[in-house]
Amino acid sequence: MTFARFRALHHADEPLLLPCAWDHASAAALAEAGFAAIGTTSLGVAAAAGKPDAGRATREETLTLARTIAGLGIPVTVDIEAGFAEAPGQVADLVAELAGLGVAGINLEDGRGDRLADVQAQAELVAVVKRRVPEVFLNARTDAFWLGLPGARALALERARAYAGAGADGVFVPGASAERDIEALVGGAGVPLNVLVQPGVPVRRLAELGVARLSYGSLLFRAALRAAVTTALAVARGEPVTGDVPSYEQVEALHRYGSRTGDGTRETSEVPRLS
């Protein structure tokens, strides 16, 4: 049911707002806040582990995070960068393992450092994963805009169509922000379009353009770092700490969110709300 539920969220009247977590506490807090689904941020996972993003260095951390948050009671989609492996079969093995944990979706990107993967090779990777794990929502990310490549719109459209043709369930185009680019991608991709949230651009407007999914990416992780440093400096300067800071009891209770009770239901009512 989780797989079908997550898929349906991409075909609703409003775009799916997808905040991205980097550990159990952030995921549980977002679930407790009422979001319909949550993703993971590869930057947050990597930075928290002291490792580089998109460097194939966080396969185990990504799996560990998936194990800890897949039982929260809402659909979870996991960013697996480029798959953490060269061989398509190994990438498919990873996705099958994630599906076995209850993960409903993945992000699979075509960025390879400062270049894009060969489009046909990436399309074949998408096809191999979908043949192995058809129930998982595969969100194929293309980094044409993200890398600032010339002719990014045409490149992104070509790749979106290739990945959709190979079985991708959605396409993620980070960096696409101009309305004319989003309209072209919505009209040409053939599958639900995912873009990053854009401060100053109302969700309503992106919905009007046809965007199906809005990812927060690493925004929340970066905001959390800024809040931590700002708070530390305020205390050092003898200044008041601004904002509503969750209590120790509220944060400590997050480990119970989504846990199974004796009758098999998920425990949420006893967890104090942070929002």
Protein backbone atom coordinates (compact mmCIF):
# COMPACT_ATOMS: atom_id res chain seq x y z
CA MET A 1 0.00 0.00 0.00
CA THR A 2 2.88 2.41 0.74
CA PHE A 3 4.11 2.18 -2.86
CA ALA A 4 0.66 2.95 -4.32
CA ARG A 5 0.08 5.70 -1.78
CA PHE A 6 3.32 7.44 -2.68
CA ARG A 7 2.64 7.13 -6.41
CA ALA A 8 -0.81 8.66 -5.97
CA LEU A 9 0.66 11.72 -4.24
CA HIS A 10 2.25 12.66 -7.60
CA HIS A 11 -1.16 12.80 -9.28
CA ALA A 12 -3.06 14.87 -6.73
CA ASP A 13 -4.68 18.29 -7.12
CA GLU A 14 -1.76 19.98 -5.35
CA PRO A 15 1.98 19.39 -5.71
CA LEU A 16 3.57 16.98 -3.26
CA LEU A 17 5.67 18.99 -0.78
CA LEU A 18 8.64 16.79 0.07
CA PRO A 19 10.85 17.92 2.97
CA CYS A 20 14.16 16.08 3.21
CA ALA A 21 15.60 14.56 6.39
CA TRP A 22 19.15 13.55 7.31
CA ASP A 23 18.58 11.49 10.47
CA HIS A 24 15.77 9.86 12.45
CA ALA A 25 15.01 12.93 14.56
CA SER A 26 14.58 15.23 11.55
CA ALA A 27 12.47 12.63 9.74
CA ALA A 28 10.25 11.95 12.75
CA ALA A 29 9.78 15.68 13.40
CA LEU A 30 8.70 16.22 9.79
CA ALA A 31 6.32 13.26 9.92
CA GLU A 32 4.90 14.55 13.20
CA ALA A 33 4.38 17.96 11.56
CA GLY A 34 1.95 16.34 9.13
CA PHE A 35 3.82 16.08 5.83
CA ALA A 36 2.40 13.38 3.55
CA ALA A 37 5.82 11.94 2.68
CA ILE A 38 9.48 12.65 3.34
CA GLY A 39 12.69 12.34 1.37
CA THR A 40 16.35 12.31 2.33
CA THR A 41 19.06 14.82 1.50
CA SER A 42 22.28 13.32 0.21
CA LEU A 43 24.19 16.46 1.22
CA GLY A 44 22.85 16.27 4.76
CA VAL A 45 23.65 12.56 5.08
CA ALA A 46 27.17 13.07 3.69
CA ALA A 47 27.97 16.23 5.66
CA ALA A 48 26.73 14.70 8.91
CA ALA A 49 29.12 11.78 8.30
CA GLY A 50 32.03 14.04 7.37
CA LYS A 51 32.03 12.81 3.79
CA PRO A 52 31.62 14.49 0.37
CA ASP A 53 28.24 14.59 -1.36
CA ALA A 54 27.83 12.72 -4.65
CA GLY A 55 31.09 10.88 -4.10
CA ARG A 56 29.74 7.34 -3.68
CA ALA A 57 30.96 7.49 -0.10
CA THR A 58 27.70 7.17 1.86
CA ARG A 59 26.07 3.93 0.73
CA GLU A 60 26.08 2.46 4.24
CA GLU A 61 24.95 5.71 5.87
CA THR A 62 22.10 5.92 3.36
CA LEU A 63 21.01 2.35 4.09
CA THR A 64 21.24 2.93 7.83
CA LEU A 65 19.07 6.03 7.57
CA ALA A 66 16.53 4.16 5.44
CA ARG A 67 16.29 1.41 8.06
CA THR A 68 15.60 3.93 10.82
CA ILE A 69 12.94 6.01 9.04
CA ALA A 70 11.07 3.57 6.79
CA GLY A 71 8.74 2.67 9.66
CA LEU A 72 7.47 6.17 10.41
CA GLY A 73 4.07 5.45 8.89
CA ILE A 74 4.35 7.72 5.84
CA PRO A 75 6.01 7.07 2.47
CA VAL A 76 9.77 7.61 2.37
CA THR A 77 11.87 8.24 -0.73
CA VAL A 78 15.66 7.96 -0.57
CA ASP A 79 18.32 9.85 -2.52
CA ILE A 80 20.85 7.28 -3.73
CA GLU A 81 22.94 9.77 -5.74
CA ALA A 82 24.09 7.89 -8.88
CA GLY A 83 23.48 4.49 -7.30
CA PHE A 84 26.74 4.01 -5.37
CA ALA A 85 27.96 1.51 -7.99
CA GLU A 86 29.07 1.24 -11.62
CA ALA A 87 27.17 -1.92 -12.58
CA PRO A 88 23.41 -1.46 -13.14
CA GLY A 89 22.76 -4.78 -11.47
CA GLN A 90 24.42 -3.59 -8.27
CA VAL A 91 22.31 -0.44 -8.28
CA ALA A 92 19.21 -2.58 -8.75
CA ASP A 93 20.31 -4.74 -5.80
CA LEU A 94 20.50 -1.65 -3.61
CA VAL A 95 17.05 -0.48 -4.67
CA ALA A 96 15.63 -3.95 -4.01
CA GLU A 97 17.14 -3.84 -0.52
CA LEU A 98 15.59 -0.44 0.10
CA ALA A 99 12.20 -1.66 -1.12
CA GLY A 100 12.50 -4.58 1.26
CA LEU A 101 12.87 -2.09 4.10
CA GLY A 102 9.66 -0.37 3.03
CA VAL A 103 11.16 2.57 1.09
CA ALA A 104 8.61 3.73 -1.49
CA GLY A 105 10.82 5.72 -3.86
CA ILE A 106 14.33 6.69 -4.88
CA ASN A 107 16.13 9.54 -6.60
CA LEU A 108 18.68 8.43 -9.20
CA GLU A 109 20.82 11.16 -10.76
CA ASP A 110 22.75 11.44 -14.02
CA GLY A 111 25.32 13.96 -12.75
CA ARG A 112 28.87 12.69 -12.70
CA GLY A 113 30.94 15.44 -11.13
CA ASP A 114 31.05 18.29 -13.64
CA ARG A 115 29.48 16.30 -16.49
CA LEU A 116 26.42 14.22 -17.30
CA ALA A 117 26.38 10.47 -17.73
CA ASP A 118 25.84 9.13 -21.24
CA VAL A 119 22.11 9.42 -21.79
CA GLN A 120 21.66 5.92 -23.23
CA ALA A 121 23.69 4.33 -20.45
CA GLN A 122 21.65 6.19 -17.85
CA ALA A 123 18.39 5.18 -19.53
CA GLU A 124 19.52 1.56 -19.43
CA LEU A 125 20.31 1.94 -15.73
CA VAL A 126 16.77 3.22 -15.15
CA ALA A 127 15.38 0.28 -17.12
CA VAL A 128 17.39 -2.30 -15.18
CA VAL A 129 16.26 -0.89 -11.83
CA LYS A 130 12.60 -0.75 -12.89
CA ARG A 131 12.64 -4.31 -14.21
CA ARG A 132 14.05 -5.50 -10.90
CA VAL A 133 11.91 -3.36 -8.57
CA PRO A 134 8.87 -2.14 -10.53
CA GLU A 135 6.91 -1.09 -7.44
CA VAL A 136 9.42 1.58 -6.37
CA PHE A 137 8.78 5.12 -7.62
CA LEU A 138 11.94 5.95 -9.55
CA ASN A 139 12.49 9.70 -9.77
CA ALA A 140 15.12 10.21 -12.48
CA ARG A 141 17.18 13.31 -11.81
CA THR A 142 18.94 15.16 -14.60
CA ASP A 143 21.56 17.76 -13.71
CA ALA A 144 21.62 19.76 -16.95
CA PHE A 145 20.47 22.95 -15.19
CA TRP A 146 22.28 22.14 -11.94
CA LEU A 147 25.63 22.06 -13.76
CA GLY A 148 24.84 25.23 -15.74
CA LEU A 149 25.38 23.50 -19.08
CA PRO A 150 24.73 25.31 -22.37
CA GLY A 151 21.34 24.44 -23.83
CA ALA A 152 20.19 23.09 -20.46
CA ARG A 153 16.50 23.07 -21.38
CA ALA A 154 17.01 20.99 -24.51
CA LEU A 155 19.37 18.64 -22.68
CA ALA A 156 16.95 18.22 -19.78
CA LEU A 157 14.03 17.53 -22.13
CA GLU A 158 16.01 14.95 -24.10
CA ARG A 159 17.01 13.18 -20.92
CA ALA A 160 13.60 13.42 -19.30
CA ARG A 161 12.04 11.73 -22.31
CA ALA A 162 14.73 9.06 -22.45
CA TYR A 163 14.36 8.22 -18.76
CA ALA A 164 10.56 8.24 -18.92
CA GLY A 165 10.76 5.95 -21.93
CA ALA A 166 12.98 3.60 -19.92
CA GLY A 167 10.38 3.38 -17.16
CA ALA A 168 11.09 6.30 -14.81
CA ASP A 169 8.00 7.28 -12.83
CA GLY A 170 9.00 10.93 -12.48
CA VAL A 171 11.72 13.37 -13.46
CA PHE A 172 13.61 15.71 -11.13
CA VAL A 173 15.26 18.78 -12.67
CA PRO A 174 17.05 20.75 -9.93
CA GLY A 175 18.08 24.22 -11.00
CA ALA A 176 15.14 24.74 -13.37
CA SER A 177 13.46 27.90 -12.15
CA ALA A 178 12.35 30.04 -15.10
CA GLU A 179 8.66 29.66 -15.85
CA ARG A 180 9.25 29.01 -19.54
CA ASP A 181 11.66 26.19 -18.69
CA ILE A 182 9.26 24.61 -16.19
CA GLU A 183 6.38 24.83 -18.65
CA ALA A 184 8.47 23.15 -21.34
CA LEU A 185 9.53 20.37 -18.97
CA VAL A 186 5.99 19.78 -17.73
CA GLY A 187 4.73 19.57 -21.29
CA GLY A 188 7.57 17.48 -22.65
CA ALA A 189 8.60 15.04 -19.95
CA GLY A 190 5.56 12.78 -20.09
CA VAL A 191 5.83 11.97 -16.36
CA PRO A 192 5.36 14.06 -13.17
CA LEU A 193 7.90 16.87 -12.87
CA ASN A 194 9.83 17.51 -9.65
CA VAL A 195 11.69 20.77 -9.02
CA LEU A 196 13.32 22.30 -5.96
CA VAL A 197 11.34 24.68 -3.77
CA GLN A 198 12.05 28.25 -4.73
CA PRO A 199 11.97 30.90 -1.99
CA GLY A 200 9.77 33.72 -3.16
CA VAL A 201 7.85 31.60 -5.67
CA PRO A 202 4.47 30.54 -4.23
CA VAL A 203 3.58 26.87 -4.33
CA ARG A 204 0.33 27.97 -5.93
CA ARG A 205 2.18 29.37 -8.96
CA LEU A 206 4.26 26.22 -9.41
CA ALA A 207 1.04 24.20 -9.22
CA GLU A 208 -0.43 26.37 -11.97
CA LEU A 209 2.62 25.58 -14.10
CA GLY A 210 1.96 21.87 -13.64
CA VAL A 211 4.72 20.91 -11.19
CA ALA A 212 3.81 17.65 -9.43
CA ARG A 213 6.45 17.51 -6.68
CA LEU A 214 8.46 20.12 -4.80
CA SER A 215 11.60 18.90 -3.03
CA TYR A 216 13.24 20.86 -0.23
CA GLY A 217 16.61 19.32 -1.11
CA SER A 218 19.30 20.24 1.44
CA LEU A 219 17.52 23.46 2.50
CA LEU A 220 16.40 22.19 5.92
CA PHE A 221 19.81 20.74 6.77
CA ARG A 222 21.54 23.99 5.85
CA ALA A 223 18.96 26.00 7.80
CA ALA A 224 19.52 23.75 10.83
CA LEU A 225 23.28 24.37 10.67
CA ARG A 226 22.73 28.11 10.50
CA ALA A 227 20.30 27.99 13.44
CA ALA A 228 22.79 25.99 15.52
CA VAL A 229 25.64 28.42 14.91
CA THR A 230 23.41 31.47 15.36
CA THR A 231 22.14 30.12 18.69
CA ALA A 232 25.66 29.28 19.89
CA LEU A 233 26.87 32.79 19.07
CA ALA A 234 23.86 34.41 20.73
CA VAL A 235 24.56 32.56 23.98
CA ALA A 236 28.26 33.48 23.78
CA ARG A 237 27.34 37.16 23.37
CA GLY A 238 24.80 37.12 26.19
CA GLU A 239 21.96 37.72 23.74
CA PRO A 240 18.52 36.11 24.00
CA VAL A 241 17.91 32.92 22.04
CA THR A 242 15.23 33.70 19.48
CA GLY A 243 12.56 31.38 18.19
CA ASP A 244 10.67 28.49 19.74
CA VAL A 245 13.26 25.88 20.66
CA PRO A 246 11.87 22.36 21.21
CA SER A 247 12.21 21.07 24.74
CA TYR A 248 14.43 18.16 25.73
CA GLU A 249 11.30 16.06 26.36
CA GLN A 250 9.88 16.81 22.90
CA VAL A 251 13.07 15.80 21.11
CA GLU A 252 13.68 12.75 23.28
CA ALA A 253 10.16 11.54 22.51
CA LEU A 254 10.78 11.51 18.76
CA HIS A 255 12.31 8.04 18.94
CA ARG A 256 8.80 6.73 19.68
CA TYR A 257 7.20 8.30 16.63
CA GLY A 258 5.89 5.60 14.30
CA SER A 259 6.94 2.73 16.56
CA ARG A 260 4.66 -0.29 16.82
CA THR A 261 2.50 -0.72 19.90
CA GLY A 262 1.35 -4.06 21.27
CA ASP A 263 -1.73 -4.20 19.04
CA GLY A 264 0.29 -3.48 15.89
CA THR A 265 -0.75 0.14 15.47
CA ARG A 266 1.77 2.96 15.19
CA GLU A 267 2.40 5.15 18.21
CA THR A 268 2.06 8.88 17.52
CA SER A 269 -0.42 10.31 19.99
CA GLU A 270 1.99 10.34 22.96
CA VAL A 271 4.71 12.20 21.09
CA PRO A 272 4.63 15.94 21.95
CA ARG A 273 4.26 18.07 18.84
CA LEU A 274 7.19 20.28 17.83
CA SER A 275 5.07 22.37 15.46
